[in-house]
């Protein structure tokens, strides 16, 4: 395996990690900002409110996008396994 091939595989892996991690992280980030603004406006400083709402947003995001994300991961893994002979030899 040449260094160029190794770097391209590492790049593909990092892109896949970004694709899989971005939707849940963005959902939790957006919900966290909204909850923070609402808490600041109402002067309610209860930390559990923010945690529970973020946990619900994360669960909903995974429930909605889980099928798509898992399909992409399985496709990536199957493609990688099929290319192992070309990568080694």
PDB file of N, CA and C in Angstrom:
ATOM      1  N   UNK A   1       0.860  -1.175   0.000  1.00  0.00           N
ATOM      2  CA  UNK A   1       0.000   0.000   0.000  1.00  0.00           C
ATOM      3  C   UNK A   1       0.901   1.231   0.000  1.00  0.00           C
ATOM      4  N   UNK A   2       0.653   2.089  -0.928  1.00  0.00           N
ATOM      5  CA  UNK A   2       1.450   3.314  -1.027  1.00  0.00           C
ATOM      6  C   UNK A   2       0.921   4.361  -0.047  1.00  0.00           C
ATOM      7  N   UNK A   3       1.741   5.332   0.276  1.00  0.00           N
ATOM      8  CA  UNK A   3       1.266   6.388   1.180  1.00  0.00           C
ATOM      9  C   UNK A   3       0.058   7.152   0.625  1.00  0.00           C
ATOM     10  N   UNK A   4      -0.019   7.290  -0.693  1.00  0.00           N
ATOM     11  CA  UNK A   4      -1.150   8.005  -1.286  1.00  0.00           C
ATOM     12  C   UNK A   4      -2.454   7.237  -1.075  1.00  0.00           C
ATOM     13  N   UNK A   5      -2.379   5.921  -1.236  1.00  0.00           N
ATOM     14  CA  UNK A   5      -3.569   5.088  -1.031  1.00  0.00           C
ATOM     15  C   UNK A   5      -3.987   5.126   0.439  1.00  0.00           C
ATOM     16  N   UNK A   6      -3.004   5.048   1.320  1.00  0.00           N
ATOM     17  CA  UNK A   6      -3.305   5.099   2.759  1.00  0.00           C
ATOM     18  C   UNK A   6      -3.958   6.426   3.131  1.00  0.00           C
ATOM     19  N   UNK A   7      -3.427   7.524   2.592  1.00  0.00           N
ATOM     20  CA  UNK A   7      -4.006   8.831   2.901  1.00  0.00           C
ATOM     21  C   UNK A   7      -5.422   8.963   2.330  1.00  0.00           C
ATOM     22  N   UNK A   8      -5.656   8.408   1.152  1.00  0.00           N
ATOM     23  CA  UNK A   8      -7.000   8.490   0.594  1.00  0.00           C
ATOM     24  C   UNK A   8      -7.992   7.663   1.416  1.00  0.00           C
ATOM     25  N   UNK A   9      -7.558   6.521   1.929  1.00  0.00           N
ATOM     26  CA  UNK A   9      -8.443   5.711   2.778  1.00  0.00           C
ATOM     27  C   UNK A   9      -8.701   6.394   4.114  1.00  0.00           C
ATOM     28  N   UNK A  10      -7.686   7.016   4.661  1.00  0.00           N
ATOM     29  CA  UNK A  10      -7.874   7.754   5.913  1.00  0.00           C
ATOM     30  C   UNK A  10      -8.829   8.920   5.685  1.00  0.00           C
ATOM     31  N   UNK A  11      -8.672   9.599   4.546  1.00  0.00           N
ATOM     32  CA  UNK A  11      -9.568  10.713   4.213  1.00  0.00           C
ATOM     33  C   UNK A  11     -11.007  10.233   4.083  1.00  0.00           C
ATOM     34  N   UNK A  12     -11.203   9.106   3.400  1.00  0.00           N
ATOM     35  CA  UNK A  12     -12.557   8.563   3.259  1.00  0.00           C
ATOM     36  C   UNK A  12     -13.143   8.198   4.630  1.00  0.00           C
ATOM     37  N   UNK A  13     -12.324   7.628   5.501  1.00  0.00           N
ATOM     38  CA  UNK A  13     -12.802   7.275   6.837  1.00  0.00           C
ATOM     39  C   UNK A  13     -13.184   8.492   7.663  1.00  0.00           C
ATOM     40  N   UNK A  14     -12.376   9.546   7.579  1.00  0.00           N
ATOM     41  CA  UNK A  14     -12.697  10.763   8.313  1.00  0.00           C
ATOM     42  C   UNK A  14     -13.940  11.460   7.750  1.00  0.00           C
ATOM     43  N   UNK A  15     -14.093  11.423   6.433  1.00  0.00           N
ATOM     44  CA  UNK A  15     -15.307  11.982   5.849  1.00  0.00           C
ATOM     45  C   UNK A  15     -16.543  11.216   6.292  1.00  0.00           C
ATOM     46  N   UNK A  16     -16.417   9.895   6.391  1.00  0.00           N
ATOM     47  CA  UNK A  16     -17.549   9.089   6.851  1.00  0.00           C
ATOM     48  C   UNK A  16     -17.872   9.404   8.312  1.00  0.00           C
ATOM     49  N   UNK A  17     -16.835   9.555   9.129  1.00  0.00           N
ATOM     50  CA  UNK A  17     -17.065   9.902  10.533  1.00  0.00           C
ATOM     51  C   UNK A  17     -17.758  11.259  10.652  1.00  0.00           C
ATOM     52  N   UNK A  18     -17.354  12.201   9.813  1.00  0.00           N
ATOM     53  CA  UNK A  18     -17.996  13.518   9.817  1.00  0.00           C
ATOM     54  C   UNK A  18     -19.443  13.426   9.370  1.00  0.00           C
ATOM     55  N   UNK A  19     -19.697  12.631   8.346  1.00  0.00           N
ATOM     56  CA  UNK A  19     -21.060  12.458   7.848  1.00  0.00           C
ATOM     57  C   UNK A  19     -21.955  11.800   8.901  1.00  0.00           C
ATOM     58  N   UNK A  20     -21.421  10.826   9.624  1.00  0.00           N
ATOM     59  CA  UNK A  20     -22.223  10.122  10.621  1.00  0.00           C
ATOM     60  C   UNK A  20     -22.424  10.948  11.890  1.00  0.00           C
ATOM     61  N   UNK A  21     -21.446  11.751  12.241  1.00  0.00           N
ATOM     62  CA  UNK A  21     -21.533  12.500  13.487  1.00  0.00           C
ATOM     63  C   UNK A  21     -22.193  13.855  13.379  1.00  0.00           C
ATOM     64  N   UNK A  22     -22.218  14.421  12.175  1.00  0.00           N
ATOM     65  CA  UNK A  22     -22.718  15.787  12.020  1.00  0.00           C
ATOM     66  C   UNK A  22     -24.201  15.956  12.356  1.00  0.00           C
ATOM     67  N   UNK A  23     -25.112  15.115  11.856  1.00  0.00           N
ATOM     68  CA  UNK A  23     -26.531  15.375  12.156  1.00  0.00           C
ATOM     69  C   UNK A  23     -26.874  15.361  13.646  1.00  0.00           C
ATOM     70  N   UNK A  24     -26.431  14.350  14.416  1.00  0.00           N
ATOM     71  CA  UNK A  24     -26.757  14.412  15.850  1.00  0.00           C
ATOM     72  C   UNK A  24     -26.098  15.587  16.563  1.00  0.00           C
ATOM     73  N   UNK A  25     -24.853  15.879  16.210  1.00  0.00           N
ATOM     74  CA  UNK A  25     -24.168  16.988  16.871  1.00  0.00           C
ATOM     75  C   UNK A  25     -24.805  18.331  16.533  1.00  0.00           C
ATOM     76  N   UNK A  26     -25.184  18.518  15.284  1.00  0.00           N
ATOM     77  CA  UNK A  26     -25.831  19.777  14.910  1.00  0.00           C
ATOM     78  C   UNK A  26     -27.200  19.928  15.567  1.00  0.00           C
ATOM     79  N   UNK A  27     -27.923  18.826  15.692  1.00  0.00           N
ATOM     80  CA  UNK A  27     -29.235  18.890  16.350  1.00  0.00           C
ATOM     81  C   UNK A  27     -29.081  19.274  17.819  1.00  0.00           C
ATOM     82  N   UNK A  28     -28.136  18.646  18.495  1.00  0.00           N
ATOM     83  CA  UNK A  28     -27.920  18.955  19.912  1.00  0.00           C
ATOM     84  C   UNK A  28     -27.392  20.378  20.074  1.00  0.00           C
ATOM     85  N   UNK A  29     -26.537  20.814  19.158  1.00  0.00           N
ATOM     86  CA  UNK A  29     -26.030  22.184  19.219  1.00  0.00           C
ATOM     87  C   UNK A  29     -27.155  23.194  19.048  1.00  0.00           C
ATOM     88  N   UNK A  30     -27.995  22.984  18.055  1.00  0.00           N
ATOM     89  CA  UNK A  30     -29.111  23.905  17.823  1.00  0.00           C
ATOM     90  C   UNK A  30     -30.072  23.955  18.989  1.00  0.00           C
ATOM     91  N   UNK A  31     -30.414  22.785  19.511  1.00  0.00           N
ATOM     92  CA  UNK A  31     -31.328  22.731  20.654  1.00  0.00           C
ATOM     93  C   UNK A  31     -30.683  23.380  21.876  1.00  0.00           C
ATOM     94  N   UNK A  32     -29.387  23.159  22.062  1.00  0.00           N
ATOM     95  CA  UNK A  32     -28.697  23.763  23.199  1.00  0.00           C
ATOM     96  C   UNK A  32     -28.706  25.279  23.144  1.00  0.00           C
ATOM     97  N   UNK A  33     -28.517  25.831  21.966  1.00  0.00           N
ATOM     98  CA  UNK A  33     -28.544  27.294  21.818  1.00  0.00           C
ATOM     99  C   UNK A  33     -29.941  27.834  22.107  1.00  0.00           C
ATOM    100  N   UNK A  34     -30.953  27.178  21.554  1.00  0.00           N
ATOM    101  CA  UNK A  34     -32.328  27.638  21.778  1.00  0.00           C
ATOM    102  C   UNK A  34     -32.689  27.541  23.264  1.00  0.00           C
ATOM    103  N   UNK A  35     -32.363  26.432  23.900  1.00  0.00           N
ATOM    104  CA  UNK A  35     -32.667  26.274  25.324  1.00  0.00           C
ATOM    105  C   UNK A  35     -31.894  27.293  26.154  1.00  0.00           C
ATOM    106  N   UNK A  36     -30.654  27.549  25.777  1.00  0.00           N
ATOM    107  CA  UNK A  36     -29.866  28.551  26.499  1.00  0.00           C
ATOM    108  C   UNK A  36     -30.464  29.941  26.402  1.00  0.00           C
ATOM    109  N   UNK A  37     -30.933  30.291  25.216  1.00  0.00           N
ATOM    110  CA  UNK A  37     -31.553  31.605  25.036  1.00  0.00           C
ATOM    111  C   UNK A  37     -32.852  31.702  25.843  1.00  0.00           C
ATOM    112  N   UNK A  38     -33.653  30.649  25.795  1.00  0.00           N
ATOM    113  CA  UNK A  38     -34.909  30.650  26.547  1.00  0.00           C
ATOM    114  C   UNK A  38     -34.627  30.716  28.045  1.00  0.00           C
ATOM    115  N   UNK A  39     -33.643  29.965  28.518  1.00  0.00           N
ATOM    116  CA  UNK A  39     -33.317  30.005  29.940  1.00  0.00           C
ATOM    117  C   UNK A  39     -32.785  31.370  30.350  1.00  0.00           C
ATOM    118  N   UNK A  40     -32.002  31.992  29.482  1.00  0.00           N
ATOM    119  CA  UNK A  40     -31.494  33.326  29.800  1.00  0.00           C
ATOM    120  C   UNK A  40     -32.621  34.350  29.815  1.00  0.00           C
ATOM    121  N   UNK A  41     -33.560  34.202  28.898  1.00  0.00           N
ATOM    122  CA  UNK A  41     -34.667  35.165  28.837  1.00  0.00           C
ATOM    123  C   UNK A  41     -35.612  35.018  30.020  1.00  0.00           C
ATOM    124  N   UNK A  42     -35.818  33.774  30.458  1.00  0.00           N
ATOM    125  CA  UNK A  42     -36.746  33.553  31.568  1.00  0.00           C
ATOM    126  C   UNK A  42     -36.043  33.482  32.918  1.00  0.00           C
ATOM    127  N   UNK A  43     -34.732  33.538  32.927  1.00  0.00           N
ATOM    128  CA  UNK A  43     -33.912  33.461  34.137  1.00  0.00           C
ATOM    129  C   UNK A  43     -34.139  32.172  34.909  1.00  0.00           C
ATOM    130  N   UNK A  44     -34.405  31.106  34.174  1.00  0.00           N
ATOM    131  CA  UNK A  44     -34.489  29.774  34.783  1.00  0.00           C
ATOM    132  C   UNK A  44     -33.143  29.107  34.552  1.00  0.00           C
ATOM    133  N   UNK A  45     -32.408  28.852  35.608  1.00  0.00           N
ATOM    134  CA  UNK A  45     -31.060  28.306  35.482  1.00  0.00           C
ATOM    135  C   UNK A  45     -30.992  26.859  35.941  1.00  0.00           C
ATOM    136  N   UNK A  46     -31.917  26.067  35.520  1.00  0.00           N
ATOM    137  CA  UNK A  46     -31.945  24.652  35.872  1.00  0.00           C
ATOM    138  C   UNK A  46     -31.209  23.867  34.798  1.00  0.00           C
ATOM    139  N   UNK A  47     -30.141  23.164  35.174  1.00  0.00           N
ATOM    140  CA  UNK A  47     -29.315  22.452  34.206  1.00  0.00           C
ATOM    141  C   UNK A  47     -29.992  21.213  33.654  1.00  0.00           C
ATOM    142  N   UNK A  48     -30.858  20.594  34.434  1.00  0.00           N
ATOM    143  CA  UNK A  48     -31.490  19.362  33.965  1.00  0.00           C
ATOM    144  C   UNK A  48     -32.446  19.608  32.803  1.00  0.00           C
ATOM    145  N   UNK A  49     -33.007  20.804  32.707  1.00  0.00           N
ATOM    146  CA  UNK A  49     -33.911  21.118  31.597  1.00  0.00           C
ATOM    147  C   UNK A  49     -33.151  21.034  30.286  1.00  0.00           C
ATOM    148  N   UNK A  50     -32.001  21.667  30.234  1.00  0.00           N
ATOM    149  CA  UNK A  50     -31.184  21.632  29.023  1.00  0.00           C
ATOM    150  C   UNK A  50     -30.736  20.222  28.681  1.00  0.00           C
ATOM    151  N   UNK A  51     -30.357  19.443  29.688  1.00  0.00           N
ATOM    152  CA  UNK A  51     -29.907  18.078  29.439  1.00  0.00           C
ATOM    153  C   UNK A  51     -31.024  17.209  28.881  1.00  0.00           C
ATOM    154  N   UNK A  52     -32.194  17.299  29.476  1.00  0.00           N
ATOM    155  CA  UNK A  52     -33.314  16.460  29.036  1.00  0.00           C
ATOM    156  C   UNK A  52     -33.735  16.824  27.612  1.00  0.00           C
ATOM    157  N   UNK A  53     -33.796  18.099  27.309  1.00  0.00           N
ATOM    158  CA  UNK A  53     -34.200  18.522  25.969  1.00  0.00           C
ATOM    159  C   UNK A  53     -33.154  18.084  24.944  1.00  0.00           C
ATOM    160  N   UNK A  54     -31.869  18.201  25.283  1.00  0.00           N
ATOM    161  CA  UNK A  54     -30.817  17.746  24.367  1.00  0.00           C
ATOM    162  C   UNK A  54     -30.879  16.241  24.164  1.00  0.00           C
ATOM    163  N   UNK A  55     -31.151  15.492  25.228  1.00  0.00           N
ATOM    164  CA  UNK A  55     -31.255  14.038  25.108  1.00  0.00           C
ATOM    165  C   UNK A  55     -32.437  13.646  24.223  1.00  0.00           C
ATOM    166  N   UNK A  56     -33.538  14.351  24.358  1.00  0.00           N
ATOM    167  CA  UNK A  56     -34.704  14.081  23.507  1.00  0.00           C
ATOM    168  C   UNK A  56     -34.390  14.423  22.051  1.00  0.00           C
ATOM    169  N   UNK A  57     -33.703  15.541  21.818  1.00  0.00           N
ATOM    170  CA  UNK A  57     -33.339  15.925  20.447  1.00  0.00           C
ATOM    171  C   UNK A  57     -32.387  14.911  19.835  1.00  0.00           C
ATOM    172  N   UNK A  58     -31.440  14.419  20.614  1.00  0.00           N
ATOM    173  CA  UNK A  58     -30.504  13.410  20.118  1.00  0.00           C
ATOM    174  C   UNK A  58     -31.230  12.116  19.771  1.00  0.00           C
ATOM    175  N   UNK A  59     -32.120  11.689  20.637  1.00  0.00           N
ATOM    176  CA  UNK A  59     -32.892  10.471  20.382  1.00  0.00           C
ATOM    177  C   UNK A  59     -33.770  10.622  19.144  1.00  0.00           C
ATOM    178  N   UNK A  60     -34.403  11.769  19.002  1.00  0.00           N
ATOM    179  CA  UNK A  60     -35.257  11.998  17.833  1.00  0.00           C
ATOM    180  C   UNK A  60     -34.433  12.039  16.552  1.00  0.00           C
ATOM    181  N   UNK A  61     -33.275  12.654  16.595  1.00  0.00           N
ATOM    182  CA  UNK A  61     -32.418  12.724  15.406  1.00  0.00           C
ATOM    183  C   UNK A  61     -31.952  11.340  14.994  1.00  0.00           C
ATOM    184  N   UNK A  62     -31.543  10.544  15.959  1.00  0.00           N
ATOM    185  CA  UNK A  62     -31.101   9.182  15.642  1.00  0.00           C
ATOM    186  C   UNK A  62     -32.274   8.342  15.152  1.00  0.00           C
ATOM    187  N   UNK A  63     -33.456   8.549  15.715  1.00  0.00           N
ATOM    188  CA  UNK A  63     -34.630   7.798  15.262  1.00  0.00           C
ATOM    189  C   UNK A  63     -34.999   8.159  13.831  1.00  0.00           C
ATOM    190  N   UNK A  64     -34.885   9.432  13.488  1.00  0.00           N
ATOM    191  CA  UNK A  64     -35.252   9.881  12.148  1.00  0.00           C
ATOM    192  C   UNK A  64     -34.167   9.547  11.128  1.00  0.00           C
ATOM    193  N   UNK A  65     -32.918   9.792  11.461  1.00  0.00           N
ATOM    194  CA  UNK A  65     -31.829   9.638  10.493  1.00  0.00           C
ATOM    195  C   UNK A  65     -31.049   8.346  10.660  1.00  0.00           C
ATOM    196  N   UNK A  66     -31.405   7.533  11.633  1.00  0.00           N
ATOM    197  CA  UNK A  66     -30.643   6.323  11.914  1.00  0.00           C
ATOM    198  C   UNK A  66     -30.561   5.366  10.747  1.00  0.00           C
ATOM    199  N   UNK A  67     -31.659   5.202  10.041  1.00  0.00           N
ATOM    200  CA  UNK A  67     -31.676   4.284   8.903  1.00  0.00           C
ATOM    201  C   UNK A  67     -30.710   4.764   7.813  1.00  0.00           C
ATOM    202  N   UNK A  68     -30.736   6.051   7.515  1.00  0.00           N
ATOM    203  CA  UNK A  68     -29.843   6.616   6.509  1.00  0.00           C
ATOM    204  C   UNK A  68     -28.385   6.484   6.938  1.00  0.00           C
ATOM    205  N   UNK A  69     -28.095   6.839   8.191  1.00  0.00           N
ATOM    206  CA  UNK A  69     -26.722   6.791   8.674  1.00  0.00           C
ATOM    207  C   UNK A  69     -26.191   5.362   8.720  1.00  0.00           C
ATOM    208  N   UNK A  70     -27.003   4.439   9.172  1.00  0.00           N
ATOM    209  CA  UNK A  70     -26.571   3.046   9.225  1.00  0.00           C
ATOM    210  C   UNK A  70     -26.367   2.486   7.825  1.00  0.00           C
ATOM    211  N   UNK A  71     -27.222   2.848   6.887  1.00  0.00           N
ATOM    212  CA  UNK A  71     -27.063   2.413   5.500  1.00  0.00           C
ATOM    213  C   UNK A  71     -25.758   2.905   4.901  1.00  0.00           C
ATOM    214  N   UNK A  72     -25.418   4.171   5.166  1.00  0.00           N
ATOM    215  CA  UNK A  72     -24.152   4.709   4.666  1.00  0.00           C
ATOM    216  C   UNK A  72     -22.963   3.993   5.288  1.00  0.00           C
ATOM    217  N   UNK A  73     -23.039   3.706   6.588  1.00  0.00           N
ATOM    218  CA  UNK A  73     -21.943   3.016   7.267  1.00  0.00           C
ATOM    219  C   UNK A  73     -21.771   1.599   6.747  1.00  0.00           C
ATOM    220  N   UNK A  74     -22.853   0.883   6.544  1.00  0.00           N
ATOM    221  CA  UNK A  74     -22.785  -0.481   6.030  1.00  0.00           C
ATOM    222  C   UNK A  74     -22.241  -0.477   4.606  1.00  0.00           C
ATOM    223  N   UNK A  75     -22.681   0.469   3.783  1.00  0.00           N
ATOM    224  CA  UNK A  75     -22.187   0.577   2.418  1.00  0.00           C
ATOM    225  C   UNK A  75     -20.693   0.873   2.395  1.00  0.00           C
ATOM    226  N   UNK A  76     -20.249   1.785   3.244  1.00  0.00           N
ATOM    227  CA  UNK A  76     -18.829   2.127   3.326  1.00  0.00           C
ATOM    228  C   UNK A  76     -18.005   0.915   3.752  1.00  0.00           C
ATOM    229  N   UNK A  77     -18.487   0.206   4.766  1.00  0.00           N
ATOM    230  CA  UNK A  77     -17.756  -0.954   5.277  1.00  0.00           C
ATOM    231  C   UNK A  77     -17.704  -2.074   4.242  1.00  0.00           C
ATOM    232  N   UNK A  78     -18.809  -2.348   3.579  1.00  0.00           N
ATOM    233  CA  UNK A  78     -18.821  -3.388   2.547  1.00  0.00           C
ATOM    234  C   UNK A  78     -17.895  -3.021   1.397  1.00  0.00           C
ATOM    235  N   UNK A  79     -17.900  -1.754   0.992  1.00  0.00           N
ATOM    236  CA  UNK A  79     -17.006  -1.302  -0.071  1.00  0.00           C
ATOM    237  C   UNK A  79     -15.547  -1.443   0.346  1.00  0.00           C
ATOM    238  N   UNK A  80     -15.248  -1.107   1.574  1.00  0.00           N
ATOM    239  CA  UNK A  80     -13.880  -1.228   2.075  1.00  0.00           C
ATOM    240  C   UNK A  80     -13.440  -2.683   2.111  1.00  0.00           C
ATOM    241  N   UNK A  81     -14.298  -3.571   2.564  1.00  0.00           N
ATOM    242  CA  UNK A  81     -13.957  -4.994   2.599  1.00  0.00           C
ATOM    243  C   UNK A  81     -13.741  -5.550   1.193  1.00  0.00           C
ATOM    244  N   UNK A  82     -14.530  -5.083   0.229  1.00  0.00           N
ATOM    245  CA  UNK A  82     -14.368  -5.571  -1.147  1.00  0.00           C
ATOM    246  C   UNK A  82     -13.089  -5.050  -1.783  1.00  0.00           C
ATOM    247  N   UNK A  83     -12.608  -3.910  -1.335  1.00  0.00           N
ATOM    248  CA  UNK A  83     -11.380  -3.344  -1.905  1.00  0.00           C
ATOM    249  C   UNK A  83     -10.122  -3.776  -1.191  1.00  0.00           C
ATOM    250  N   UNK A  84     -10.209  -4.610  -0.178  1.00  0.00           N
ATOM    251  CA  UNK A  84      -9.018  -5.048   0.548  1.00  0.00           C
ATOM    252  C   UNK A  84      -7.993  -5.714  -0.379  1.00  0.00           C
ATOM    253  N   UNK A  85      -8.378  -6.603  -1.282  1.00  0.00           N
ATOM    254  CA  UNK A  85      -7.336  -7.184  -2.166  1.00  0.00           C
ATOM    255  C   UNK A  85      -6.597  -6.147  -3.012  1.00  0.00           C
ATOM    256  N   UNK A  86      -7.308  -5.130  -3.514  1.00  0.00           N
ATOM    257  CA  UNK A  86      -6.645  -4.097  -4.294  1.00  0.00           C
ATOM    258  C   UNK A  86      -5.760  -3.207  -3.419  1.00  0.00           C
ATOM    259  N   UNK A  87      -6.174  -2.999  -2.181  1.00  0.00           N
ATOM    260  CA  UNK A  87      -5.386  -2.151  -1.278  1.00  0.00           C
ATOM    261  C   UNK A  87      -4.093  -2.846  -0.851  1.00  0.00           C
ATOM    262  N   UNK A  88      -4.158  -4.133  -0.628  1.00  0.00           N
ATOM    263  CA  UNK A  88      -2.975  -4.872  -0.166  1.00  0.00           C
ATOM    264  C   UNK A  88      -2.022  -5.139  -1.337  1.00  0.00           C
ATOM    265  N   UNK A  89      -2.584  -5.587  -2.446  1.00  0.00           N
ATOM    266  CA  UNK A  89      -1.734  -6.027  -3.555  1.00  0.00           C
ATOM    267  C   UNK A  89      -1.509  -5.012  -4.535  1.00  0.00           C
TER     268      UNK A  89
END
